[in-house]
Every structure is written in structure tokens, then in C-alpha cells.
Amino acid sequence: MMIRNSRRKPKLKPAKIHLKWILVVFLMIALISITLSVKMLLVPSFQVQEKELNAVSRHEENSLVEKYAEIYENSAEGSQYSMVFSTGCTPLQHWQSLLFFYYAHKVKQPGNVTRIASGCSKSEASKVRRTHQEKVAKMSERFHLHITPDYGFRDNKKYWNKPHGLLDWLENEMEFSHDGSRHDDVIIIILDPDMILLKPITNEFTDFKEDRRWKEKKL
């Protein structure tokens, strides 16, 4: 006697794909395509505009640098600036000093620029003086070197070279301790050797316009 299995295998029904999902997918693909097309068209235009603005800005800045450099070099106004930076006698700060003087020369920084070197041994001080004469002083007669004793370990304060070195320069080079009144109009600019001048530092701001790139970003 044969026993038949009354259970039938379910028939697989074809999946129904709703029309609305097809439309959603199609719209998403279309939107992505349009976005990419617009980006490809606009980005080069923005890049060209930014390059033009940068070129105009650089031209204006260079023109102003040349203008004020000529004014200060041909008058007594430039002598009112004294830019100083403090260093030790490490090889790193020797290279930083050369780079600092180079950019001061490149941007035509008005006034005097002085390196205050502290904590040098006799041999190191001799080498620093020789390097300054051979490489720095040739750039400009307004570039100076002032060597001080080592103030770094006074009262166990190793960072005292900078303030005491500056005081040493003020008293012995500028002679503030004798007659400070003759420096009443001098503007002293204190920087660090790891800085680079991109423009001359002066107290003249009347002709400088706003940076166009900043204005564009703000809008």
C-alpha cells in the first residue's frame, strides 16, 4: 500500500517590483549625475577665480612692499626701527639666524636687525662673529650681532638668556643706562629666530587694503 505525501511543495512566486521603487532609484541616479556634472563645471571656474584673486593680492602686496621700502631706505624714518631676536649657540639656531636675516633682507625690513647670541664659548663666539661677517653683514650694513655672557643658569633659570640678553643689548649697545632719552622714538620689535618675515614690520597701516581672499571667504 502506497502512502502519498499530501504536502505539496510551495510554488515560488515571482518577486513583484513596485514601480515607485524603480522611480526612486532612477531619481537618485539622476540626482547624483547632475551633482557631479555641476561640480565638474563649477570647480574649475572657482579655481581660476581664486588664482586671479591671489595674483592680484600678491601684486598689491609686492607693490606696497616696494613702495615703503623705497621710502624708508631714502629717509631717516627707517632708522627708528630696531628688530632683535635672541638665540643660543646651537647649530640649529645658527641656521635659523641666517634664514631670519635673509628674509629680513628679502622683504627690505627697515631699520636695524640684531641677533643677540647668549651662552657661547670663546671658540663658538669667534665662529659666530666670523660667519656673521662673511655671510650676514654682506647683505646689509644694518644687520648686527651682539654676543652676551651666559645667563641661562643664573638662579637655576635656564630660560633667562632671552630677558637678560635683551637687557645686556639695551644697556651696552643702545646705551639706555646712560642716556635713554635719545631713543624715545625708537620702536623695538622682539621676535624669535624660528620666525620668517613675509612683509616688513612697520607702524604704517594707512594704505593697506583688506585681504581679498578673506573678503571672498567671508561673503
Protein backbone atom coordinates (compact mmCIF):
# COMPACT_ATOMS: atom_id res chain seq x y z
CA MET A 1 0.00 0.00 0.00
CA MET A 2 1.48 3.33 -1.10
CA ILE A 3 1.24 6.34 1.15
CA ARG A 4 1.33 9.62 -0.70
CA ASN A 5 2.61 12.73 0.92
CA SER A 6 -0.25 15.14 0.90
CA ARG A 7 2.06 18.11 1.46
CA ARG A 8 2.81 19.95 -1.72
CA LYS A 9 5.88 21.98 -2.29
CA PRO A 10 5.05 25.70 -2.32
CA LYS A 11 5.37 27.32 -5.69
CA LEU A 12 7.82 30.19 -5.87
CA LYS A 13 6.07 33.37 -6.90
CA PRO A 14 7.98 35.92 -8.97
CA ALA A 15 9.05 38.92 -6.92
CA LYS A 16 6.97 41.96 -7.56
CA ILE A 17 8.99 45.08 -8.18
CA HIS A 18 6.94 48.10 -7.32
CA LEU A 19 7.02 50.96 -9.76
CA LYS A 20 7.62 53.52 -7.02
CA TRP A 21 10.95 51.93 -6.03
CA ILE A 22 12.09 51.96 -9.64
CA LEU A 23 11.30 55.66 -9.79
CA VAL A 24 13.17 56.32 -6.52
CA VAL A 25 16.32 54.57 -7.78
CA PHE A 26 16.10 56.37 -11.11
CA LEU A 27 15.74 59.76 -9.41
CA MET A 28 18.71 59.07 -7.12
CA ILE A 29 20.92 58.14 -10.08
CA ALA A 30 19.78 61.25 -11.96
CA LEU A 31 20.45 63.48 -8.95
CA ILE A 32 23.97 62.08 -8.48
CA SER A 33 24.73 62.55 -12.18
CA ILE A 34 23.54 66.17 -12.12
CA THR A 35 25.55 66.93 -8.97
CA LEU A 36 28.76 65.53 -10.48
CA SER A 37 28.19 67.43 -13.72
CA VAL A 38 27.65 70.74 -11.91
CA LYS A 39 30.73 70.16 -9.75
CA MET A 40 32.87 69.44 -12.81
CA LEU A 41 31.67 72.69 -14.40
CA LEU A 42 31.95 74.98 -11.36
CA VAL A 43 35.12 73.81 -9.60
CA PRO A 44 37.50 74.83 -12.42
CA SER A 45 35.78 78.23 -12.55
CA PHE A 46 36.26 78.75 -8.79
CA GLN A 47 39.89 77.66 -9.05
CA VAL A 48 40.57 80.16 -11.84
CA GLN A 49 38.86 82.91 -9.84
CA GLU A 50 40.90 82.08 -6.74
CA LYS A 51 44.15 82.12 -8.73
CA GLU A 52 43.26 85.52 -10.19
CA LEU A 53 42.47 86.92 -6.74
CA ASN A 54 45.70 85.50 -5.34
CA ALA A 55 47.69 87.03 -8.19
CA VAL A 56 46.07 90.44 -7.67
CA SER A 57 46.63 90.24 -3.92
CA ARG A 58 50.30 89.28 -4.35
CA HIS A 59 50.81 92.09 -6.87
CA GLU A 60 49.29 94.66 -4.49
CA GLU A 61 51.35 93.39 -1.55
CA ASN A 62 54.58 93.44 -3.57
CA SER A 63 53.83 96.95 -4.81
CA LEU A 64 53.29 98.17 -1.24
CA VAL A 65 56.44 96.45 -0.04
CA GLU A 66 58.48 98.15 -2.76
CA LYS A 67 56.82 101.48 -2.10
CA TYR A 68 57.50 101.58 1.63
CA ALA A 69 60.96 100.02 1.28
CA GLU A 70 61.96 102.88 -1.02
CA ILE A 71 60.52 105.45 1.38
CA TYR A 72 62.35 104.05 4.39
CA GLU A 73 65.64 103.49 2.59
CA ASN A 74 65.73 107.06 1.28
CA SER A 75 64.76 108.79 4.52
CA ALA A 76 65.57 108.85 8.22
CA GLU A 77 62.23 107.24 9.12
CA GLY A 78 63.58 103.71 8.78
CA SER A 79 66.19 104.23 11.48
CA GLN A 80 63.50 104.34 14.17
CA TYR A 81 63.03 100.54 13.95
CA SER A 82 65.23 98.10 15.88
CA MET A 83 64.36 94.44 15.34
CA VAL A 84 66.03 91.93 17.67
CA PHE A 85 65.88 88.18 18.16
CA SER A 86 67.57 86.09 20.85
CA THR A 87 69.44 82.83 20.24
CA GLY A 88 71.83 80.42 21.86
CA CYS A 89 74.88 78.93 20.13
CA THR A 90 73.43 75.69 18.80
CA PRO A 91 73.84 74.70 15.12
CA LEU A 92 70.06 74.82 14.70
CA GLN A 93 69.86 78.45 15.79
CA HIS A 94 72.81 79.39 13.59
CA TRP A 95 70.82 78.21 10.57
CA GLN A 96 67.66 79.88 11.86
CA SER A 97 69.55 83.15 12.24
CA LEU A 98 70.89 83.02 8.67
CA LEU A 99 67.37 82.38 7.39
CA PHE A 100 65.96 85.20 9.54
CA PHE A 101 68.49 87.71 8.18
CA TYR A 102 67.91 86.50 4.62
CA TYR A 103 64.16 87.16 4.77
CA ALA A 104 64.71 90.49 6.53
CA HIS A 105 66.87 91.43 3.55
CA LYS A 106 64.38 90.00 1.04
CA VAL A 107 61.37 91.98 2.33
CA LYS A 108 63.60 95.06 2.88
CA GLN A 109 62.85 95.38 6.58
CA PRO A 110 63.61 99.00 7.55
CA GLY A 111 65.86 99.87 10.48
CA ASN A 112 68.41 97.70 12.24
CA VAL A 113 68.17 93.94 12.73
CA THR A 114 70.24 92.43 15.56
CA ARG A 115 70.90 88.86 16.64
CA ILE A 116 71.51 88.56 20.40
CA ALA A 117 73.57 85.39 20.96
CA SER A 118 73.96 84.20 24.55
CA GLY A 119 75.88 81.35 26.16
CA CYS A 120 78.63 80.97 23.57
CA SER A 121 82.06 79.68 24.47
CA LYS A 122 85.10 81.62 23.22
CA SER A 123 85.55 79.36 20.20
CA GLU A 124 81.82 79.41 19.43
CA ALA A 125 81.69 83.20 19.74
CA SER A 126 84.64 83.52 17.35
CA LYS A 127 82.93 81.26 14.83
CA VAL A 128 79.63 83.16 15.12
CA ARG A 129 81.39 86.51 14.55
CA ARG A 130 83.22 85.13 11.51
CA THR A 131 80.03 83.71 10.00
CA HIS A 132 78.22 86.99 10.58
CA GLN A 133 80.95 88.99 8.83
CA GLU A 134 81.24 86.59 5.91
CA LYS A 135 77.56 85.87 5.25
CA VAL A 136 75.25 88.28 7.08
CA ALA A 137 76.97 91.67 7.12
CA LYS A 138 77.37 91.49 3.33
CA MET A 139 73.58 91.51 2.95
CA SER A 140 73.19 94.82 4.76
CA GLU A 141 75.21 97.13 6.99
CA ARG A 142 72.11 97.35 9.18
CA PHE A 143 72.40 93.70 10.25
CA HIS A 144 74.21 93.33 13.58
CA LEU A 145 75.42 90.72 16.08
CA HIS A 146 75.53 91.20 19.85
CA ILE A 147 77.13 88.47 21.97
CA THR A 148 76.34 88.32 25.70
CA PRO A 149 77.52 86.17 28.64
CA ASP A 150 75.60 83.01 29.53
CA TYR A 151 72.65 83.99 31.71
CA GLY A 152 70.93 80.63 31.22
CA PHE A 153 71.82 79.04 34.55
CA ARG A 154 71.55 82.06 36.85
CA ASP A 155 69.42 81.03 39.84
CA ASN A 156 68.75 77.74 38.02
CA LYS A 157 66.57 79.56 35.44
CA LYS A 158 67.75 78.24 32.09
CA TYR A 159 65.36 80.47 30.13
CA TRP A 160 66.86 83.72 31.41
CA ASN A 161 69.13 84.15 28.40
CA LYS A 162 66.41 85.95 26.48
CA PRO A 163 65.41 88.66 29.02
CA HIS A 164 68.95 89.19 30.34
CA GLY A 165 70.42 89.10 26.84
CA LEU A 166 67.94 91.76 25.78
CA LEU A 167 68.84 93.87 28.83
CA ASP A 168 72.53 93.45 28.03
CA TRP A 169 71.90 94.72 24.49
CA LEU A 170 69.82 97.68 25.70
CA GLU A 171 72.46 98.76 28.21
CA ASN A 172 75.66 98.13 26.24
CA GLU A 173 74.63 98.54 22.60
CA MET A 174 71.77 101.03 22.80
CA GLU A 175 73.24 102.69 25.95
CA PHE A 176 69.87 103.03 27.64
CA SER A 177 71.55 103.08 31.04
CA HIS A 178 73.44 106.28 30.10
CA ASP A 179 71.01 108.32 28.02
CA GLY A 180 67.77 106.60 27.13
CA SER A 181 66.06 109.81 26.08
CA ARG A 182 67.70 109.74 22.64
CA HIS A 183 65.78 106.54 21.90
CA ASP A 184 62.34 107.93 22.77
CA ASP A 185 61.11 107.47 19.20
CA VAL A 186 62.70 104.07 18.61
CA ILE A 187 60.35 101.15 18.02
CA ILE A 188 61.86 97.88 19.28
CA ILE A 189 60.48 94.74 17.66
CA ILE A 190 61.25 91.50 19.53
CA LEU A 191 60.93 88.26 17.55
CA ASP A 192 62.18 84.66 17.76
CA PRO A 193 64.75 83.02 15.45
CA ASP A 194 62.26 80.44 14.16
CA MET A 195 60.13 83.19 12.59
CA ILE A 196 60.27 84.27 8.92
CA LEU A 197 59.35 87.74 7.71
CA LEU A 198 56.85 87.77 4.84
CA LYS A 199 56.39 91.55 4.94
CA PRO A 200 58.34 94.39 6.54
CA ILE A 201 57.09 95.24 10.03
CA THR A 202 56.40 98.97 10.41
CA ASN A 203 53.90 101.23 12.15
CA GLU A 204 52.41 102.33 8.82
CA PHE A 205 48.94 100.91 8.07
CA THR A 206 47.14 103.71 6.22
CA ASP A 207 47.46 102.32 2.69
CA PHE A 208 46.99 98.62 3.34
CA LYS A 209 43.73 97.20 2.00
CA GLU A 210 41.83 94.22 3.30
CA ASP A 211 42.94 90.85 2.06
CA ARG A 212 40.67 90.00 -0.86
CA ARG A 213 40.83 86.30 -0.17
CA TRP A 214 39.48 86.91 3.35
CA LYS A 215 36.66 89.05 1.94
CA GLU A 216 35.68 86.40 -0.58
CA LYS A 217 35.56 83.70 2.10
CA LYS A 218 33.51 85.97 4.34
CA LEU A 219 30.93 86.56 1.60
